[in-house]
């Protein structure tokens, strides 16, 4: 009977990050700082406003400005802006 050859496991590669670099990646609140473009911010607000409209039942009209205001407030809070 032929001897079975042992397969060697792939080496584990660990990436380390220095403590100053890790601290620099965090904002004062300990959360990662998110950077979004104005176009992405507008798109997120637009999507959230539509989501809020659908959650309201998608039958009320005339609340677009309020939906946008609420969505902008929610998205900015999630992203840690203002």
PDB file of N, CA and C in Angstrom:
ATOM      1  N   UNK A   1       0.829  -1.160   0.000  1.00  0.00           N
ATOM      2  CA  UNK A   1       0.000   0.000   0.000  1.00  0.00           C
ATOM      3  C   UNK A   1       0.890   1.246   0.000  1.00  0.00           C
ATOM      4  N   UNK A   2       0.506   2.238  -0.785  1.00  0.00           N
ATOM      5  CA  UNK A   2       1.296   3.449  -0.880  1.00  0.00           C
ATOM      6  C   UNK A   2       1.026   4.355   0.311  1.00  0.00           C
ATOM      7  N   UNK A   3       2.054   5.037   0.737  1.00  0.00           N
ATOM      8  CA  UNK A   3       1.913   5.953   1.878  1.00  0.00           C
ATOM      9  C   UNK A   3       1.167   7.209   1.436  1.00  0.00           C
ATOM     10  N   UNK A   4       0.270   7.668   2.292  1.00  0.00           N
ATOM     11  CA  UNK A   4      -0.473   8.886   1.989  1.00  0.00           C
ATOM     12  C   UNK A   4       0.408  10.089   2.286  1.00  0.00           C
ATOM     13  N   UNK A   5       0.374  11.046   1.379  1.00  0.00           N
ATOM     14  CA  UNK A   5       1.158  12.250   1.624  1.00  0.00           C
ATOM     15  C   UNK A   5       0.304  13.246   2.395  1.00  0.00           C
ATOM     16  N   UNK A   6       0.943  13.929   3.317  1.00  0.00           N
ATOM     17  CA  UNK A   6       0.220  14.934   4.106  1.00  0.00           C
ATOM     18  C   UNK A   6       0.188  16.239   3.333  1.00  0.00           C
ATOM     19  N   UNK A   7      -0.970  16.839   3.277  1.00  0.00           N
ATOM     20  CA  UNK A   7      -1.092  18.144   2.661  1.00  0.00           C
ATOM     21  C   UNK A   7      -0.776  19.200   3.711  1.00  0.00           C
ATOM     22  N   UNK A   8      -0.032  20.171   3.301  1.00  0.00           N
ATOM     23  CA  UNK A   8       0.274  21.243   4.244  1.00  0.00           C
ATOM     24  C   UNK A   8      -0.794  22.320   4.133  1.00  0.00           C
ATOM     25  N   UNK A   9      -1.151  22.841   5.268  1.00  0.00           N
ATOM     26  CA  UNK A   9      -2.167  23.891   5.305  1.00  0.00           C
ATOM     27  C   UNK A   9      -1.574  25.197   4.799  1.00  0.00           C
ATOM     28  N   UNK A  10      -2.405  25.982   4.183  1.00  0.00           N
ATOM     29  CA  UNK A  10      -1.961  27.291   3.705  1.00  0.00           C
ATOM     30  C   UNK A  10      -1.600  28.157   4.902  1.00  0.00           C
ATOM     31  N   UNK A  11      -0.541  28.929   4.784  1.00  0.00           N
ATOM     32  CA  UNK A  11      -0.149  29.763   5.922  1.00  0.00           C
ATOM     33  C   UNK A  11      -1.203  30.829   6.201  1.00  0.00           C
ATOM     34  N   UNK A  12      -1.349  31.145   7.459  1.00  0.00           N
ATOM     35  CA  UNK A  12      -2.298  32.174   7.868  1.00  0.00           C
ATOM     36  C   UNK A  12      -1.581  33.519   7.795  1.00  0.00           C
ATOM     37  N   UNK A  13      -2.169  34.432   7.074  1.00  0.00           N
ATOM     38  CA  UNK A  13      -1.594  35.762   6.936  1.00  0.00           C
ATOM     39  C   UNK A  13      -2.443  36.719   7.746  1.00  0.00           C
ATOM     40  N   UNK A  14      -1.811  37.406   8.657  1.00  0.00           N
ATOM     41  CA  UNK A  14      -2.531  38.370   9.481  1.00  0.00           C
ATOM     42  C   UNK A  14      -2.058  39.757   9.138  1.00  0.00           C
ATOM     43  N   UNK A  15      -3.023  40.619   8.927  1.00  0.00           N
ATOM     44  CA  UNK A  15      -2.700  42.006   8.629  1.00  0.00           C
ATOM     45  C   UNK A  15      -2.831  42.798   9.920  1.00  0.00           C
ATOM     46  N   UNK A  16      -1.795  43.509  10.264  1.00  0.00           N
ATOM     47  CA  UNK A  16      -1.846  44.297  11.482  1.00  0.00           C
ATOM     48  C   UNK A  16      -1.958  45.771  11.138  1.00  0.00           C
ATOM     49  N   UNK A  17      -2.586  46.484  12.017  1.00  0.00           N
ATOM     50  CA  UNK A  17      -2.747  47.922  11.859  1.00  0.00           C
ATOM     51  C   UNK A  17      -2.178  48.569  13.109  1.00  0.00           C
ATOM     52  N   UNK A  18      -1.376  49.574  12.932  1.00  0.00           N
ATOM     53  CA  UNK A  18      -0.796  50.241  14.091  1.00  0.00           C
ATOM     54  C   UNK A  18      -1.883  50.970  14.869  1.00  0.00           C
ATOM     55  N   UNK A  19      -1.669  51.156  16.138  1.00  0.00           N
ATOM     56  CA  UNK A  19      -2.657  51.805  16.989  1.00  0.00           C
ATOM     57  C   UNK A  19      -2.939  53.237  16.530  1.00  0.00           C
ATOM     58  N   UNK A  20      -1.910  54.043  16.203  1.00  0.00           N
ATOM     59  CA  UNK A  20      -2.232  55.399  15.723  1.00  0.00           C
ATOM     60  C   UNK A  20      -3.075  55.393  14.455  1.00  0.00           C
ATOM     61  N   UNK A  21      -2.807  54.463  13.543  1.00  0.00           N
ATOM     62  CA  UNK A  21      -3.595  54.397  12.316  1.00  0.00           C
ATOM     63  C   UNK A  21      -5.037  54.000  12.621  1.00  0.00           C
ATOM     64  N   UNK A  22      -5.218  53.093  13.564  1.00  0.00           N
ATOM     65  CA  UNK A  22      -6.563  52.667  13.938  1.00  0.00           C
ATOM     66  C   UNK A  22      -7.319  53.814  14.596  1.00  0.00           C
ATOM     67  N   UNK A  23      -6.632  54.581  15.455  1.00  0.00           N
ATOM     68  CA  UNK A  23      -7.287  55.718  16.104  1.00  0.00           C
ATOM     69  C   UNK A  23      -7.645  56.796  15.092  1.00  0.00           C
ATOM     70  N   UNK A  24      -6.800  56.979  14.095  1.00  0.00           N
ATOM     71  CA  UNK A  24      -7.063  57.995  13.079  1.00  0.00           C
ATOM     72  C   UNK A  24      -8.287  57.640  12.255  1.00  0.00           C
ATOM     73  N   UNK A  25      -8.581  56.358  12.126  1.00  0.00           N
ATOM     74  CA  UNK A  25      -9.729  55.920  11.337  1.00  0.00           C
ATOM     75  C   UNK A  25     -11.038  56.092  12.098  1.00  0.00           C
ATOM     76  N   UNK A  26     -10.948  56.392  13.374  1.00  0.00           N
ATOM     77  CA  UNK A  26     -12.142  56.546  14.190  1.00  0.00           C
ATOM     78  C   UNK A  26     -12.400  58.007  14.485  1.00  0.00           C
ATOM     79  N   UNK A  27     -13.654  58.352  14.545  1.00  0.00           N
ATOM     80  CA  UNK A  27     -13.993  59.722  14.928  1.00  0.00           C
ATOM     81  C   UNK A  27     -13.978  59.818  16.444  1.00  0.00           C
ATOM     82  N   UNK A  28     -14.295  60.958  16.983  1.00  0.00           N
ATOM     83  CA  UNK A  28     -14.289  61.167  18.422  1.00  0.00           C
ATOM     84  C   UNK A  28     -15.256  60.269  19.163  1.00  0.00           C
ATOM     85  N   UNK A  29     -16.312  59.809  18.505  1.00  0.00           N
ATOM     86  CA  UNK A  29     -17.303  58.971  19.178  1.00  0.00           C
ATOM     87  C   UNK A  29     -16.927  57.498  19.166  1.00  0.00           C
ATOM     88  N   UNK A  30     -15.793  57.159  18.555  1.00  0.00           N
ATOM     89  CA  UNK A  30     -15.393  55.764  18.490  1.00  0.00           C
ATOM     90  C   UNK A  30     -15.995  55.024  17.323  1.00  0.00           C
ATOM     91  N   UNK A  31     -16.757  55.714  16.494  1.00  0.00           N
ATOM     92  CA  UNK A  31     -17.356  55.095  15.317  1.00  0.00           C
ATOM     93  C   UNK A  31     -16.542  55.480  14.093  1.00  0.00           C
ATOM     94  N   UNK A  32     -16.469  54.596  13.101  1.00  0.00           N
ATOM     95  CA  UNK A  32     -15.749  54.962  11.876  1.00  0.00           C
ATOM     96  C   UNK A  32     -16.401  56.166  11.215  1.00  0.00           C
ATOM     97  N   UNK A  33     -15.587  57.042  10.687  1.00  0.00           N
ATOM     98  CA  UNK A  33     -16.091  58.236  10.007  1.00  0.00           C
ATOM     99  C   UNK A  33     -16.472  57.855   8.587  1.00  0.00           C
ATOM    100  N   UNK A  34     -17.701  58.142   8.203  1.00  0.00           N
ATOM    101  CA  UNK A  34     -18.163  57.816   6.866  1.00  0.00           C
ATOM    102  C   UNK A  34     -18.047  59.046   5.981  1.00  0.00           C
ATOM    103  N   UNK A  35     -17.557  58.848   4.794  1.00  0.00           N
ATOM    104  CA  UNK A  35     -17.425  59.936   3.842  1.00  0.00           C
ATOM    105  C   UNK A  35     -18.301  59.606   2.646  1.00  0.00           C
ATOM    106  N   UNK A  36     -19.251  60.475   2.354  1.00  0.00           N
ATOM    107  CA  UNK A  36     -20.137  60.264   1.212  1.00  0.00           C
ATOM    108  C   UNK A  36     -20.151  61.525   0.358  1.00  0.00           C
ATOM    109  N   UNK A  37     -20.331  61.326  -0.923  1.00  0.00           N
ATOM    110  CA  UNK A  37     -20.421  62.464  -1.832  1.00  0.00           C
ATOM    111  C   UNK A  37     -21.815  63.091  -1.714  1.00  0.00           C
ATOM    112  N   UNK A  38     -21.933  64.287  -2.238  1.00  0.00           N
ATOM    113  CA  UNK A  38     -23.237  64.958  -2.205  1.00  0.00           C
ATOM    114  C   UNK A  38     -24.268  64.163  -3.005  1.00  0.00           C
ATOM    115  N   UNK A  39     -23.849  63.569  -4.128  1.00  0.00           N
ATOM    116  CA  UNK A  39     -24.770  62.778  -4.946  1.00  0.00           C
ATOM    117  C   UNK A  39     -25.249  61.550  -4.171  1.00  0.00           C
ATOM    118  N   UNK A  40     -24.328  60.897  -3.457  1.00  0.00           N
ATOM    119  CA  UNK A  40     -24.721  59.718  -2.687  1.00  0.00           C
ATOM    120  C   UNK A  40     -25.639  60.106  -1.532  1.00  0.00           C
ATOM    121  N   UNK A  41     -25.338  61.216  -0.884  1.00  0.00           N
ATOM    122  CA  UNK A  41     -26.189  61.690   0.203  1.00  0.00           C
ATOM    123  C   UNK A  41     -27.594  61.991  -0.311  1.00  0.00           C
ATOM    124  N   UNK A  42     -27.687  62.696  -1.429  1.00  0.00           N
ATOM    125  CA  UNK A  42     -28.996  62.998  -2.021  1.00  0.00           C
ATOM    126  C   UNK A  42     -29.747  61.727  -2.388  1.00  0.00           C
ATOM    127  N   UNK A  43     -29.046  60.741  -2.927  1.00  0.00           N
ATOM    128  CA  UNK A  43     -29.693  59.487  -3.314  1.00  0.00           C
ATOM    129  C   UNK A  43     -30.201  58.738  -2.089  1.00  0.00           C
ATOM    130  N   UNK A  44     -29.415  58.731  -1.029  1.00  0.00           N
ATOM    131  CA  UNK A  44     -29.857  58.066   0.209  1.00  0.00           C
ATOM    132  C   UNK A  44     -31.098  58.750   0.776  1.00  0.00           C
ATOM    133  N   UNK A  45     -31.103  60.081   0.751  1.00  0.00           N
ATOM    134  CA  UNK A  45     -32.261  60.825   1.249  1.00  0.00           C
ATOM    135  C   UNK A  45     -33.478  60.549   0.370  1.00  0.00           C
ATOM    136  N   UNK A  46     -33.272  60.549  -0.936  1.00  0.00           N
ATOM    137  CA  UNK A  46     -34.359  60.277  -1.877  1.00  0.00           C
ATOM    138  C   UNK A  46     -34.948  58.882  -1.631  1.00  0.00           C
ATOM    139  N   UNK A  47     -34.085  57.897  -1.462  1.00  0.00           N
ATOM    140  CA  UNK A  47     -34.547  56.525  -1.203  1.00  0.00           C
ATOM    141  C   UNK A  47     -35.307  56.432   0.112  1.00  0.00           C
ATOM    142  N   UNK A  48     -34.780  57.104   1.149  1.00  0.00           N
ATOM    143  CA  UNK A  48     -35.441  57.068   2.456  1.00  0.00           C
ATOM    144  C   UNK A  48     -36.784  57.773   2.400  1.00  0.00           C
ATOM    145  N   UNK A  49     -36.875  58.888   1.685  1.00  0.00           N
ATOM    146  CA  UNK A  49     -38.149  59.606   1.553  1.00  0.00           C
ATOM    147  C   UNK A  49     -39.190  58.718   0.875  1.00  0.00           C
ATOM    148  N   UNK A  50     -38.756  57.989  -0.146  1.00  0.00           N
ATOM    149  CA  UNK A  50     -39.674  57.085  -0.839  1.00  0.00           C
ATOM    150  C   UNK A  50     -40.095  55.943   0.091  1.00  0.00           C
ATOM    151  N   UNK A  51     -39.141  55.424   0.862  1.00  0.00           N
ATOM    152  CA  UNK A  51     -39.445  54.362   1.817  1.00  0.00           C
ATOM    153  C   UNK A  51     -40.462  54.859   2.844  1.00  0.00           C
ATOM    154  N   UNK A  52     -40.268  56.081   3.346  1.00  0.00           N
ATOM    155  CA  UNK A  52     -41.213  56.652   4.310  1.00  0.00           C
ATOM    156  C   UNK A  52     -42.598  56.812   3.685  1.00  0.00           C
ATOM    157  N   UNK A  53     -42.639  57.241   2.420  1.00  0.00           N
ATOM    158  CA  UNK A  53     -43.897  57.388   1.682  1.00  0.00           C
ATOM    159  C   UNK A  53     -44.619  56.038   1.586  1.00  0.00           C
ATOM    160  N   UNK A  54     -43.859  54.993   1.255  1.00  0.00           N
ATOM    161  CA  UNK A  54     -44.461  53.659   1.149  1.00  0.00           C
ATOM    162  C   UNK A  54     -44.956  53.163   2.501  1.00  0.00           C
ATOM    163  N   UNK A  55     -44.207  53.433   3.553  1.00  0.00           N
ATOM    164  CA  UNK A  55     -44.623  53.009   4.896  1.00  0.00           C
ATOM    165  C   UNK A  55     -45.874  53.730   5.362  1.00  0.00           C
ATOM    166  N   UNK A  56     -46.103  54.920   4.857  1.00  0.00           N
ATOM    167  CA  UNK A  56     -47.302  55.670   5.193  1.00  0.00           C
ATOM    168  C   UNK A  56     -48.520  55.118   4.478  1.00  0.00           C
ATOM    169  N   UNK A  57     -48.311  54.261   3.513  1.00  0.00           N
ATOM    170  CA  UNK A  57     -49.421  53.665   2.798  1.00  0.00           C
ATOM    171  C   UNK A  57     -49.444  54.025   1.335  1.00  0.00           C
ATOM    172  N   UNK A  58     -48.545  54.871   0.894  1.00  0.00           N
ATOM    173  CA  UNK A  58     -48.425  55.275  -0.517  1.00  0.00           C
ATOM    174  C   UNK A  58     -49.741  55.792  -1.088  1.00  0.00           C
ATOM    175  N   UNK A  59     -50.591  56.328  -0.225  1.00  0.00           N
ATOM    176  CA  UNK A  59     -51.862  56.833  -0.739  1.00  0.00           C
ATOM    177  C   UNK A  59     -52.038  58.318  -0.461  1.00  0.00           C
ATOM    178  N   UNK A  60     -51.297  58.839   0.504  1.00  0.00           N
ATOM    179  CA  UNK A  60     -51.392  60.266   0.803  1.00  0.00           C
ATOM    180  C   UNK A  60     -50.490  61.046  -0.133  1.00  0.00           C
ATOM    181  N   UNK A  61     -51.023  62.048  -0.741  1.00  0.00           N
ATOM    182  CA  UNK A  61     -50.180  62.914  -1.558  1.00  0.00           C
ATOM    183  C   UNK A  61     -50.050  64.250  -0.845  1.00  0.00           C
ATOM    184  N   UNK A  62     -49.116  65.068  -1.287  1.00  0.00           N
ATOM    185  CA  UNK A  62     -48.941  66.378  -0.695  1.00  0.00           C
ATOM    186  C   UNK A  62     -48.027  66.410   0.511  1.00  0.00           C
ATOM    187  N   UNK A  63     -47.373  65.315   0.802  1.00  0.00           N
ATOM    188  CA  UNK A  63     -46.472  65.264   1.957  1.00  0.00           C
ATOM    189  C   UNK A  63     -45.021  65.103   1.519  1.00  0.00           C
ATOM    190  N   UNK A  64     -44.715  65.406   0.274  1.00  0.00           N
ATOM    191  CA  UNK A  64     -43.370  65.185  -0.257  1.00  0.00           C
ATOM    192  C   UNK A  64     -42.325  65.985   0.511  1.00  0.00           C
ATOM    193  N   UNK A  65     -42.630  67.238   0.828  1.00  0.00           N
ATOM    194  CA  UNK A  65     -41.661  68.064   1.556  1.00  0.00           C
ATOM    195  C   UNK A  65     -41.403  67.513   2.944  1.00  0.00           C
ATOM    196  N   UNK A  66     -42.442  67.071   3.621  1.00  0.00           N
ATOM    197  CA  UNK A  66     -42.276  66.499   4.962  1.00  0.00           C
ATOM    198  C   UNK A  66     -41.509  65.183   4.887  1.00  0.00           C
ATOM    199  N   UNK A  67     -41.809  64.360   3.871  1.00  0.00           N
ATOM    200  CA  UNK A  67     -41.073  63.105   3.687  1.00  0.00           C
ATOM    201  C   UNK A  67     -39.587  63.388   3.480  1.00  0.00           C
ATOM    202  N   UNK A  68     -39.274  64.385   2.656  1.00  0.00           N
ATOM    203  CA  UNK A  68     -37.874  64.731   2.384  1.00  0.00           C
ATOM    204  C   UNK A  68     -37.193  65.230   3.666  1.00  0.00           C
ATOM    205  N   UNK A  69     -37.863  66.108   4.408  1.00  0.00           N
ATOM    206  CA  UNK A  69     -37.306  66.641   5.644  1.00  0.00           C
ATOM    207  C   UNK A  69     -37.016  65.523   6.637  1.00  0.00           C
ATOM    208  N   UNK A  70     -37.980  64.631   6.836  1.00  0.00           N
ATOM    209  CA  UNK A  70     -37.801  63.519   7.772  1.00  0.00           C
ATOM    210  C   UNK A  70     -36.673  62.593   7.308  1.00  0.00           C
ATOM    211  N   UNK A  71     -36.638  62.306   6.019  1.00  0.00           N
ATOM    212  CA  UNK A  71     -35.619  61.422   5.471  1.00  0.00           C
ATOM    213  C   UNK A  71     -34.228  62.040   5.629  1.00  0.00           C
ATOM    214  N   UNK A  72     -34.128  63.333   5.353  1.00  0.00           N
ATOM    215  CA  UNK A  72     -32.834  64.004   5.484  1.00  0.00           C
ATOM    216  C   UNK A  72     -32.335  63.946   6.924  1.00  0.00           C
ATOM    217  N   UNK A  73     -33.227  64.170   7.857  1.00  0.00           N
ATOM    218  CA  UNK A  73     -32.894  64.122   9.276  1.00  0.00           C
ATOM    219  C   UNK A  73     -32.420  62.712   9.666  1.00  0.00           C
ATOM    220  N   UNK A  74     -33.135  61.688   9.209  1.00  0.00           N
ATOM    221  CA  UNK A  74     -32.791  60.301   9.536  1.00  0.00           C
ATOM    222  C   UNK A  74     -31.443  59.900   8.945  1.00  0.00           C
ATOM    223  N   UNK A  75     -31.215  60.213   7.673  1.00  0.00           N
ATOM    224  CA  UNK A  75     -29.980  59.820   6.994  1.00  0.00           C
ATOM    225  C   UNK A  75     -28.787  60.554   7.603  1.00  0.00           C
ATOM    226  N   UNK A  76     -28.933  61.841   7.844  1.00  0.00           N
ATOM    227  CA  UNK A  76     -27.831  62.597   8.445  1.00  0.00           C
ATOM    228  C   UNK A  76     -27.477  62.069   9.827  1.00  0.00           C
ATOM    229  N   UNK A  77     -28.476  61.662  10.600  1.00  0.00           N
ATOM    230  CA  UNK A  77     -28.232  61.094  11.931  1.00  0.00           C
ATOM    231  C   UNK A  77     -27.482  59.762  11.792  1.00  0.00           C
ATOM    232  N   UNK A  78     -27.894  58.917  10.858  1.00  0.00           N
ATOM    233  CA  UNK A  78     -27.241  57.626  10.651  1.00  0.00           C
ATOM    234  C   UNK A  78     -25.776  57.792  10.243  1.00  0.00           C
ATOM    235  N   UNK A  79     -25.502  58.807   9.431  1.00  0.00           N
ATOM    236  CA  UNK A  79     -24.149  59.032   8.934  1.00  0.00           C
ATOM    237  C   UNK A  79     -23.305  59.881   9.885  1.00  0.00           C
ATOM    238  N   UNK A  80     -23.923  60.397  10.920  1.00  0.00           N
ATOM    239  CA  UNK A  80     -23.198  61.219  11.881  1.00  0.00           C
ATOM    240  C   UNK A  80     -22.879  62.607  11.354  1.00  0.00           C
ATOM    241  N   UNK A  81     -23.741  63.109  10.481  1.00  0.00           N
ATOM    242  CA  UNK A  81     -23.570  64.451   9.932  1.00  0.00           C
ATOM    243  C   UNK A  81     -24.505  65.404  10.658  1.00  0.00           C
ATOM    244  N   UNK A  82     -24.010  66.552  11.057  1.00  0.00           N
ATOM    245  CA  UNK A  82     -24.773  67.589  11.773  1.00  0.00           C
ATOM    246  C   UNK A  82     -25.554  67.081  12.912  1.00  0.00           C
TER     247      UNK A  82
END
